């Protein structure tokens, strides 16, 4: 149950600013991999 809320509710609970940070981190990680 906790995993489910973390996965689908995490993005909704988090503010848009935090979401942007997560996306930026993911992009940097992908760039580093390439």
PDB file of N, CA and C in Angstrom:
ATOM      1  N   UNK A   1       0.841  -1.203   0.000  1.00  0.00           N
ATOM      2  CA  UNK A   1       0.000   0.000   0.000  1.00  0.00           C
ATOM      3  C   UNK A   1       0.876   1.253   0.000  1.00  0.00           C
ATOM      4  N   UNK A   2       1.900   1.239   0.835  1.00  0.00           N
ATOM      5  CA  UNK A   2       2.751   2.426   0.909  1.00  0.00           C
ATOM      6  C   UNK A   2       3.458   2.654  -0.426  1.00  0.00           C
ATOM      7  N   UNK A   3       3.890   1.578  -1.035  1.00  0.00           N
ATOM      8  CA  UNK A   3       4.579   1.709  -2.326  1.00  0.00           C
ATOM      9  C   UNK A   3       3.653   2.354  -3.350  1.00  0.00           C
ATOM     10  N   UNK A   4       2.376   1.933  -3.329  1.00  0.00           N
ATOM     11  CA  UNK A   4       1.427   2.461  -4.306  1.00  0.00           C
ATOM     12  C   UNK A   4       1.290   3.981  -4.109  1.00  0.00           C
ATOM     13  N   UNK A   5       1.091   4.422  -2.892  1.00  0.00           N
ATOM     14  CA  UNK A   5       0.904   5.863  -2.660  1.00  0.00           C
ATOM     15  C   UNK A   5       2.176   6.615  -3.050  1.00  0.00           C
ATOM     16  N   UNK A   6       3.316   6.031  -2.765  1.00  0.00           N
ATOM     17  CA  UNK A   6       4.585   6.709  -3.084  1.00  0.00           C
ATOM     18  C   UNK A   6       4.681   6.900  -4.596  1.00  0.00           C
ATOM     19  N   UNK A   7       4.287   5.869  -5.336  1.00  0.00           N
ATOM     20  CA  UNK A   7       4.481   5.909  -6.785  1.00  0.00           C
ATOM     21  C   UNK A   7       3.466   6.841  -7.448  1.00  0.00           C
ATOM     22  N   UNK A   8       2.171   6.743  -7.093  1.00  0.00           N
ATOM     23  CA  UNK A   8       1.183   7.569  -7.816  1.00  0.00           C
ATOM     24  C   UNK A   8       0.884   8.862  -7.063  1.00  0.00           C
ATOM     25  N   UNK A   9       1.015   8.878  -5.753  1.00  0.00           N
ATOM     26  CA  UNK A   9       0.666  10.089  -4.992  1.00  0.00           C
ATOM     27  C   UNK A   9       1.862  11.009  -4.795  1.00  0.00           C
ATOM     28  N   UNK A  10       3.059  10.482  -4.953  1.00  0.00           N
ATOM     29  CA  UNK A  10       4.264  11.292  -4.702  1.00  0.00           C
ATOM     30  C   UNK A  10       4.259  12.534  -5.592  1.00  0.00           C
ATOM     31  N   UNK A  11       4.092  12.340  -6.891  1.00  0.00           N
ATOM     32  CA  UNK A  11       4.140  13.484  -7.814  1.00  0.00           C
ATOM     33  C   UNK A  11       3.032  14.487  -7.514  1.00  0.00           C
ATOM     34  N   UNK A  12       1.851  13.992  -7.165  1.00  0.00           N
ATOM     35  CA  UNK A  12       0.725  14.923  -6.923  1.00  0.00           C
ATOM     36  C   UNK A  12       0.957  15.709  -5.622  1.00  0.00           C
ATOM     37  N   UNK A  13       1.470  15.044  -4.606  1.00  0.00           N
ATOM     38  CA  UNK A  13       1.679  15.727  -3.321  1.00  0.00           C
ATOM     39  C   UNK A  13       2.826  16.732  -3.456  1.00  0.00           C
ATOM     40  N   UNK A  14       3.865  16.357  -4.178  1.00  0.00           N
ATOM     41  CA  UNK A  14       5.028  17.245  -4.313  1.00  0.00           C
ATOM     42  C   UNK A  14       4.648  18.496  -5.105  1.00  0.00           C
ATOM     43  N   UNK A  15       5.187  19.646  -4.738  1.00  0.00           N
ATOM     44  CA  UNK A  15       4.912  20.884  -5.472  1.00  0.00           C
ATOM     45  C   UNK A  15       5.557  20.843  -6.855  1.00  0.00           C
ATOM     46  N   UNK A  16       5.102  21.680  -7.764  1.00  0.00           N
ATOM     47  CA  UNK A  16       5.648  21.687  -9.130  1.00  0.00           C
ATOM     48  C   UNK A  16       7.157  21.964  -9.134  1.00  0.00           C
ATOM     49  N   UNK A  17       7.600  22.782  -8.205  1.00  0.00           N
ATOM     50  CA  UNK A  17       9.042  23.094  -8.179  1.00  0.00           C
ATOM     51  C   UNK A  17       9.850  21.828  -7.922  1.00  0.00           C
ATOM     52  N   UNK A  18       9.404  21.033  -6.957  1.00  0.00           N
ATOM     53  CA  UNK A  18      10.145  19.797  -6.639  1.00  0.00           C
ATOM     54  C   UNK A  18      10.083  18.847  -7.836  1.00  0.00           C
ATOM     55  N   UNK A  19       8.946  18.815  -8.503  1.00  0.00           N
ATOM     56  CA  UNK A  19       8.816  17.943  -9.667  1.00  0.00           C
ATOM     57  C   UNK A  19       9.829  18.350 -10.723  1.00  0.00           C
ATOM     58  N   UNK A  20       9.989  19.651 -10.930  1.00  0.00           N
ATOM     59  CA  UNK A  20      10.947  20.139 -11.926  1.00  0.00           C
ATOM     60  C   UNK A  20      12.351  19.694 -11.548  1.00  0.00           C
ATOM     61  N   UNK A  21      12.661  19.794 -10.264  1.00  0.00           N
ATOM     62  CA  UNK A  21      13.996  19.382  -9.812  1.00  0.00           C
ATOM     63  C   UNK A  21      14.212  17.903 -10.126  1.00  0.00           C
ATOM     64  N   UNK A  22      13.208  17.105  -9.872  1.00  0.00           N
ATOM     65  CA  UNK A  22      13.340  15.662 -10.146  1.00  0.00           C
ATOM     66  C   UNK A  22      13.597  15.438 -11.631  1.00  0.00           C
ATOM     67  N   UNK A  23      12.863  16.129 -12.472  1.00  0.00           N
ATOM     68  CA  UNK A  23      13.035  15.955 -13.928  1.00  0.00           C
ATOM     69  C   UNK A  23      14.453  16.372 -14.318  1.00  0.00           C
ATOM     70  N   UNK A  24      14.912  17.498 -13.766  1.00  0.00           N
ATOM     71  CA  UNK A  24      16.264  17.969 -14.102  1.00  0.00           C
ATOM     72  C   UNK A  24      17.298  16.925 -13.664  1.00  0.00           C
ATOM     73  N   UNK A  25      17.104  16.360 -12.476  1.00  0.00           N
ATOM     74  CA  UNK A  25      18.054  15.344 -11.989  1.00  0.00           C
ATOM     75  C   UNK A  25      18.049  14.148 -12.933  1.00  0.00           C
ATOM     76  N   UNK A  26      16.871  13.756 -13.363  1.00  0.00           N
ATOM     77  CA  UNK A  26      16.787  12.596 -14.278  1.00  0.00           C
ATOM     78  C   UNK A  26      17.500  12.927 -15.574  1.00  0.00           C
ATOM     79  N   UNK A  27      17.305  14.136 -16.075  1.00  0.00           N
ATOM     80  CA  UNK A  27      17.956  14.516 -17.344  1.00  0.00           C
ATOM     81  C   UNK A  27      19.473  14.485 -17.182  1.00  0.00           C
ATOM     82  N   UNK A  28      19.959  15.021 -16.076  1.00  0.00           N
ATOM     83  CA  UNK A  28      21.414  15.038 -15.889  1.00  0.00           C
ATOM     84  C   UNK A  28      21.928  13.603 -15.799  1.00  0.00           C
ATOM     85  N   UNK A  29      21.183  12.744 -15.136  1.00  0.00           N
ATOM     86  CA  UNK A  29      21.614  11.339 -15.007  1.00  0.00           C
ATOM     87  C   UNK A  29      21.683  10.706 -16.398  1.00  0.00           C
ATOM     88  N   UNK A  30      20.679  10.960 -17.220  1.00  0.00           N
ATOM     89  CA  UNK A  30      20.665  10.374 -18.571  1.00  0.00           C
ATOM     90  C   UNK A  30      21.843  10.935 -19.372  1.00  0.00           C
ATOM     91  N   UNK A  31      22.082  12.241 -19.231  1.00  0.00           N
ATOM     92  CA  UNK A  31      23.188  12.856 -19.983  1.00  0.00           C
ATOM     93  C   UNK A  31      24.517  12.246 -19.542  1.00  0.00           C
ATOM     94  N   UNK A  32      24.662  12.029 -18.249  1.00  0.00           N
ATOM     95  CA  UNK A  32      25.914  11.459 -17.761  1.00  0.00           C
ATOM     96  C   UNK A  32      26.105  10.047 -18.308  1.00  0.00           C
ATOM     97  N   UNK A  33      25.013   9.314 -18.429  1.00  0.00           N
ATOM     98  CA  UNK A  33      25.112   7.926 -18.929  1.00  0.00           C
ATOM     99  C   UNK A  33      25.593   7.931 -20.379  1.00  0.00           C
ATOM    100  N   UNK A  34      25.082   8.840 -21.176  1.00  0.00           N
ATOM    101  CA  UNK A  34      25.425   8.842 -22.612  1.00  0.00           C
ATOM    102  C   UNK A  34      26.908   9.203 -22.794  1.00  0.00           C
TER     103      UNK A  34
END
